[in-house]
Every structure is written in C-alpha cells, then in structure tokens.
Amino acid sequence: MTPTPDQTHRPDYPPKTPPPPKRPVESPRPEADSAIATRPRPRAVISNRRAANWTLENAPWSPAKAGRHILGQLEAWHYQTPASLADRLTGITELLARSALADGGRRVSLHLADQDQQALVMVLSHTPRRDVTSDALLHDIADLGASSCGADTASDGRRLWAVIDL
C-alpha cells in the first residue's frame, strides 16, 4: 500500500507566525485648535539654608498665628528682632497669609528661610485662582518694608513671597 499525498504531508513545525506590521502604530496627533501646551510650574525649592514650614487652616486667627510662627522661628535661629522689625515681619506675614486665605482653600502653607541676614517668607494657597494678583497687594507688601516681593499664579494655587532684611 502506497501512501497518498495527503498522508505524507507533514504540517510545518513550528507553525508560521504572521509578519510584523510594516509601520509602528502611532498615537493620534493633537488637534490644531487644542489648547497651547504649557510647562508645569517649577516646585518651590528652598535648599542650602535653614528653612521651616507650617500648614495653617483657613480660619480668622491663622494670619496672626503665621506671624507668631515666623517670630518664634527667627528667635530659635538666634536673630535679634527689635520691636520695629517684629512689627514689619508680622505685618508682611499676616498680609501674605490673609491674601492666600482669601483664595478660599481649606489650608495654606507658610514657609520661612534665612540667608545673609535676610528672611524669605512664602505662603502657598493650594487653591486654583483665575485672576492674577493685583499690583496693589505687592505695593502694600513693599510699603510694609519688604526688600523684594512677588507672586506666582498657576493651576495648583498661588505663591506669594517677600524677602525682608533682618
């Protein structure tokens, strides 16, 4: 008995796999009228100096508490704060804290750093705000005795800062 052609044919081993696609799949291209891509705001980084920070709740007493935190920490760092300097520091800190709390968030972050007989006081609101900081606020901070001040608004909240000569 002779084998028929169907009986002598062996299947290919291993089975053949399909060839890979000629072009890799590419992600969909952005729409022409989509929003302009923006870079994320850099994080606030205080490095190579002493620093302290506190989280304050949105309460009527928080600005005064912020001023006490700043004065207490500067005393712990052995800075001499005469009454006039203490009044300037608390006034600036309370103004920064009140402005950040007015954004309506549940909390604000208060940061303090020192370098070369200067103190950096920064308040973060953690609440998105659409309108920009008014120039009147920055003028008020400068009038209280800040040597430098500024504000930064982004989707993750507003940063207000002031540098005060100690």
C-alpha atoms as a PDB file:
ATOM      1  CA  MET A   1       0.000   0.000   0.000  1.00  0.00           C
ATOM      2  CA  THR A   2       1.419   3.261  -1.068  1.00  0.00           C
ATOM      3  CA  PRO A   3       0.767   6.418   0.943  1.00  0.00           C
ATOM      4  CA  THR A   4      -1.393   9.052  -0.627  1.00  0.00           C
ATOM      5  CA  PRO A   5      -0.088  12.632  -0.867  1.00  0.00           C
ATOM      6  CA  ASP A   6      -2.331  13.724   1.995  1.00  0.00           C
ATOM      7  CA  GLN A   7      -0.797  11.154   4.308  1.00  0.00           C
ATOM      8  CA  THR A   8       2.828  12.071   3.526  1.00  0.00           C
ATOM      9  CA  HIS A   9       2.469  15.811   4.012  1.00  0.00           C
ATOM     10  CA  ARG A  10       3.584  16.966   7.449  1.00  0.00           C
ATOM     11  CA  PRO A  11       2.464  20.320   8.861  1.00  0.00           C
ATOM     12  CA  ASP A  12       5.172  22.956   9.242  1.00  0.00           C
ATOM     13  CA  TYR A  13       6.811  22.902  12.605  1.00  0.00           C
ATOM     14  CA  PRO A  14       6.790  25.358  14.344  1.00  0.00           C
ATOM     15  CA  PRO A  15       3.720  26.992  12.845  1.00  0.00           C
ATOM     16  CA  LYS A  16       4.321  30.140  10.849  1.00  0.00           C
ATOM     17  CA  THR A  17       3.614  33.452  12.607  1.00  0.00           C
ATOM     18  CA  PRO A  18       2.273  36.479  10.785  1.00  0.00           C
ATOM     19  CA  PRO A  19       4.867  39.082   9.783  1.00  0.00           C
ATOM     20  CA  PRO A  20       5.151  42.217  11.955  1.00  0.00           C
ATOM     21  CA  PRO A  21       3.383  45.380  10.771  1.00  0.00           C
ATOM     22  CA  LYS A  22       5.386  47.481   8.367  1.00  0.00           C
ATOM     23  CA  ARG A  23       4.890  50.777  10.286  1.00  0.00           C
ATOM     24  CA  PRO A  24       4.599  51.088  14.047  1.00  0.00           C
ATOM     25  CA  VAL A  25       1.269  52.289  15.344  1.00  0.00           C
ATOM     26  CA  GLU A  26       1.464  55.990  16.119  1.00  0.00           C
ATOM     27  CA  SER A  27      -0.551  57.875  18.683  1.00  0.00           C
ATOM     28  CA  PRO A  28      -3.212  60.289  17.483  1.00  0.00           C
ATOM     29  CA  ARG A  29      -1.952  63.720  16.602  1.00  0.00           C
ATOM     30  CA  PRO A  30      -3.201  66.724  18.594  1.00  0.00           C
ATOM     31  CA  GLU A  31      -5.971  68.823  17.171  1.00  0.00           C
ATOM     32  CA  ALA A  32      -4.897  72.066  15.524  1.00  0.00           C
ATOM     33  CA  ASP A  33      -7.221  74.134  17.721  1.00  0.00           C
ATOM     34  CA  SER A  34      -6.365  72.395  21.015  1.00  0.00           C
ATOM     35  CA  ALA A  35      -5.058  74.330  23.997  1.00  0.00           C
ATOM     36  CA  ILE A  36      -1.473  75.508  23.940  1.00  0.00           C
ATOM     37  CA  ALA A  37       0.814  73.175  25.826  1.00  0.00           C
ATOM     38  CA  THR A  38       2.319  74.804  28.903  1.00  0.00           C
ATOM     39  CA  ARG A  39       5.189  73.716  31.044  1.00  0.00           C
ATOM     40  CA  PRO A  40       4.346  72.799  34.605  1.00  0.00           C
ATOM     41  CA  ARG A  41       5.296  75.371  37.195  1.00  0.00           C
ATOM     42  CA  PRO A  42       8.565  74.500  38.913  1.00  0.00           C
ATOM     43  CA  ARG A  43       8.231  73.434  42.517  1.00  0.00           C
ATOM     44  CA  ALA A  44       9.217  75.864  45.203  1.00  0.00           C
ATOM     45  CA  VAL A  45      12.553  74.558  46.438  1.00  0.00           C
ATOM     46  CA  ILE A  46      14.410  76.061  49.373  1.00  0.00           C
ATOM     47  CA  SER A  47      17.852  74.486  49.619  1.00  0.00           C
ATOM     48  CA  ASN A  48      21.260  75.075  51.187  1.00  0.00           C
ATOM     49  CA  ARG A  49      19.837  77.171  54.011  1.00  0.00           C
ATOM     50  CA  ARG A  50      17.788  76.810  57.139  1.00  0.00           C
ATOM     51  CA  ALA A  51      14.093  76.529  56.496  1.00  0.00           C
ATOM     52  CA  ALA A  52      10.872  75.864  58.371  1.00  0.00           C
ATOM     53  CA  ASN A  53       7.286  75.393  57.244  1.00  0.00           C
ATOM     54  CA  TRP A  54       3.811  75.152  58.737  1.00  0.00           C
ATOM     55  CA  THR A  55       0.344  74.283  57.491  1.00  0.00           C
ATOM     56  CA  LEU A  56      -2.412  76.633  58.607  1.00  0.00           C
ATOM     57  CA  GLU A  57      -6.155  76.103  58.394  1.00  0.00           C
ATOM     58  CA  ASN A  58      -8.473  78.647  56.829  1.00  0.00           C
ATOM     59  CA  ALA A  59      -9.579  80.412  59.999  1.00  0.00           C
ATOM     60  CA  PRO A  60      -9.763  84.042  61.154  1.00  0.00           C
ATOM     61  CA  TRP A  61      -6.847  83.565  63.582  1.00  0.00           C
ATOM     62  CA  SER A  62      -4.473  81.964  61.054  1.00  0.00           C
ATOM     63  CA  PRO A  63      -2.761  85.203  59.852  1.00  0.00           C
ATOM     64  CA  ALA A  64      -1.844  86.177  63.433  1.00  0.00           C
ATOM     65  CA  LYS A  65      -0.693  82.625  64.106  1.00  0.00           C
ATOM     66  CA  ALA A  66       1.501  82.806  60.988  1.00  0.00           C
ATOM     67  CA  GLY A  67       3.166  85.954  62.338  1.00  0.00           C
ATOM     68  CA  ARG A  68       3.846  84.242  65.675  1.00  0.00           C
ATOM     69  CA  HIS A  69       5.354  81.223  63.901  1.00  0.00           C
ATOM     70  CA  ILE A  70       7.754  83.451  61.939  1.00  0.00           C
ATOM     71  CA  LEU A  71       8.892  85.431  65.003  1.00  0.00           C
ATOM     72  CA  GLY A  72       9.292  82.279  67.096  1.00  0.00           C
ATOM     73  CA  GLN A  73      11.408  80.544  64.475  1.00  0.00           C
ATOM     74  CA  LEU A  74      13.652  83.565  63.939  1.00  0.00           C
ATOM     75  CA  GLU A  75      14.229  83.718  67.710  1.00  0.00           C
ATOM     76  CA  ALA A  76      15.080  79.998  67.661  1.00  0.00           C
ATOM     77  CA  TRP A  77      17.633  80.798  64.961  1.00  0.00           C
ATOM     78  CA  HIS A  78      19.086  83.486  67.289  1.00  0.00           C
ATOM     79  CA  TYR A  79      18.077  86.542  65.294  1.00  0.00           C
ATOM     80  CA  GLN A  80      17.603  89.756  67.236  1.00  0.00           C
ATOM     81  CA  THR A  81      14.195  91.147  66.340  1.00  0.00           C
ATOM     82  CA  PRO A  82      13.644  94.631  67.743  1.00  0.00           C
ATOM     83  CA  ALA A  83      10.058  95.842  68.002  1.00  0.00           C
ATOM     84  CA  SER A  84      10.139  97.710  64.681  1.00  0.00           C
ATOM     85  CA  LEU A  85      11.449  94.645  62.812  1.00  0.00           C
ATOM     86  CA  ALA A  86       8.965  92.365  64.589  1.00  0.00           C
ATOM     87  CA  ASP A  87       6.110  94.657  63.545  1.00  0.00           C
ATOM     88  CA  ARG A  88       7.294  94.628  59.905  1.00  0.00           C
ATOM     89  CA  LEU A  89       7.686  90.832  59.885  1.00  0.00           C
ATOM     90  CA  THR A  90       4.280  90.156  61.399  1.00  0.00           C
ATOM     91  CA  GLY A  91       2.600  92.762  59.183  1.00  0.00           C
ATOM     92  CA  ILE A  92       4.059  91.294  55.999  1.00  0.00           C
ATOM     93  CA  THR A  93       3.378  87.706  57.075  1.00  0.00           C
ATOM     94  CA  GLU A  94      -0.213  88.475  58.052  1.00  0.00           C
ATOM     95  CA  LEU A  95      -0.847  90.288  54.767  1.00  0.00           C
ATOM     96  CA  LEU A  96       0.551  87.356  52.768  1.00  0.00           C
ATOM     97  CA  ALA A  97      -1.484  84.847  54.795  1.00  0.00           C
ATOM     98  CA  ARG A  98      -4.731  86.878  54.565  1.00  0.00           C
ATOM     99  CA  SER A  99      -4.356  87.169  50.817  1.00  0.00           C
ATOM    100  CA  ALA A 100      -3.705  83.439  50.386  1.00  0.00           C
ATOM    101  CA  LEU A 101      -6.603  82.524  52.673  1.00  0.00           C
ATOM    102  CA  ALA A 102      -8.899  84.775  50.636  1.00  0.00           C
ATOM    103  CA  ASP A 103      -8.448  82.328  47.745  1.00  0.00           C
ATOM    104  CA  GLY A 104     -10.915  80.100  49.593  1.00  0.00           C
ATOM    105  CA  GLY A 105      -8.898  76.948  50.164  1.00  0.00           C
ATOM    106  CA  ARG A 106      -9.057  74.795  53.278  1.00  0.00           C
ATOM    107  CA  ARG A 107      -5.403  75.397  54.140  1.00  0.00           C
ATOM    108  CA  VAL A 108      -2.301  77.404  53.308  1.00  0.00           C
ATOM    109  CA  SER A 109       1.374  76.558  53.664  1.00  0.00           C
ATOM    110  CA  LEU A 110       3.738  79.011  55.333  1.00  0.00           C
ATOM    111  CA  HIS A 111       7.472  78.750  54.603  1.00  0.00           C
ATOM    112  CA  LEU A 112      10.412  80.599  56.145  1.00  0.00           C
ATOM    113  CA  ALA A 113      14.081  80.521  55.120  1.00  0.00           C
ATOM    114  CA  ASP A 114      17.061  82.684  56.021  1.00  0.00           C
ATOM    115  CA  GLN A 115      20.267  83.600  54.253  1.00  0.00           C
ATOM    116  CA  ASP A 116      22.727  86.501  54.527  1.00  0.00           C
ATOM    117  CA  GLN A 117      20.715  88.380  57.165  1.00  0.00           C
ATOM    118  CA  GLN A 118      17.538  88.162  55.086  1.00  0.00           C
ATOM    119  CA  ALA A 119      14.367  86.162  55.624  1.00  0.00           C
ATOM    120  CA  LEU A 120      12.188  84.686  52.899  1.00  0.00           C
ATOM    121  CA  VAL A 121       8.521  84.364  53.858  1.00  0.00           C
ATOM    122  CA  MET A 122       6.415  82.431  51.345  1.00  0.00           C
ATOM    123  CA  VAL A 123       2.749  81.463  51.504  1.00  0.00           C
ATOM    124  CA  LEU A 124       1.138  78.889  49.194  1.00  0.00           C
ATOM    125  CA  SER A 125      -2.648  78.914  48.807  1.00  0.00           C
ATOM    126  CA  HIS A 126      -3.096  75.442  47.193  1.00  0.00           C
ATOM    127  CA  THR A 127      -6.262  76.730  45.510  1.00  0.00           C
ATOM    128  CA  PRO A 128      -6.562  77.478  41.797  1.00  0.00           C
ATOM    129  CA  ARG A 129      -7.435  81.085  41.150  1.00  0.00           C
ATOM    130  CA  ARG A 130      -8.224  82.557  37.756  1.00  0.00           C
ATOM    131  CA  ASP A 131      -7.442  86.220  38.315  1.00  0.00           C
ATOM    132  CA  VAL A 132      -3.928  87.456  38.814  1.00  0.00           C
ATOM    133  CA  THR A 133      -2.513  89.062  41.921  1.00  0.00           C
ATOM    134  CA  SER A 134      -3.140  92.784  41.955  1.00  0.00           C
ATOM    135  CA  ASP A 135      -0.260  95.207  41.916  1.00  0.00           C
ATOM    136  CA  ALA A 136      -1.845  96.920  44.928  1.00  0.00           C
ATOM    137  CA  LEU A 137      -1.074  93.867  47.081  1.00  0.00           C
ATOM    138  CA  LEU A 138       2.570  93.881  46.036  1.00  0.00           C
ATOM    139  CA  HIS A 139       2.797  97.632  46.686  1.00  0.00           C
ATOM    140  CA  ASP A 140       1.295  97.107  50.163  1.00  0.00           C
ATOM    141  CA  ILE A 141       3.894  94.416  50.917  1.00  0.00           C
ATOM    142  CA  ALA A 142       6.692  96.699  49.712  1.00  0.00           C
ATOM    143  CA  ASP A 143       5.307  99.595  51.775  1.00  0.00           C
ATOM    144  CA  LEU A 144       5.483  97.419  54.897  1.00  0.00           C
ATOM    145  CA  GLY A 145       9.244  97.106  54.420  1.00  0.00           C
ATOM    146  CA  ALA A 146       9.920  94.098  52.193  1.00  0.00           C
ATOM    147  CA  SER A 147      13.110  94.475  50.175  1.00  0.00           C
ATOM    148  CA  SER A 148      11.638  92.230  47.458  1.00  0.00           C
ATOM    149  CA  CYS A 149       8.267  90.563  46.879  1.00  0.00           C
ATOM    150  CA  GLY A 150       6.353  88.721  44.225  1.00  0.00           C
ATOM    151  CA  ALA A 151       3.509  86.419  43.297  1.00  0.00           C
ATOM    152  CA  ASP A 152       3.051  83.442  41.026  1.00  0.00           C
ATOM    153  CA  THR A 153      -0.322  82.016  39.991  1.00  0.00           C
ATOM    154  CA  ALA A 154      -0.802  78.565  38.490  1.00  0.00           C
ATOM    155  CA  SER A 155      -3.380  75.792  38.353  1.00  0.00           C
ATOM    156  CA  ASP A 156      -2.205  74.313  41.659  1.00  0.00           C
ATOM    157  CA  GLY A 157      -2.558  77.563  43.570  1.00  0.00           C
ATOM    158  CA  ARG A 158      -0.901  80.876  44.229  1.00  0.00           C
ATOM    159  CA  ARG A 159       2.546  81.573  45.702  1.00  0.00           C
ATOM    160  CA  LEU A 160       3.133  84.866  47.480  1.00  0.00           C
ATOM    161  CA  TRP A 161       6.578  85.696  48.826  1.00  0.00           C
ATOM    162  CA  ALA A 162       8.547  88.507  50.408  1.00  0.00           C
ATOM    163  CA  VAL A 163      12.208  88.957  51.337  1.00  0.00           C
ATOM    164  CA  ILE A 164      12.819  91.030  54.476  1.00  0.00           C
ATOM    165  CA  ASP A 165      16.180  92.407  55.648  1.00  0.00           C
ATOM    166  CA  LEU A 166      16.932  91.299  59.189  1.00  0.00           C
END
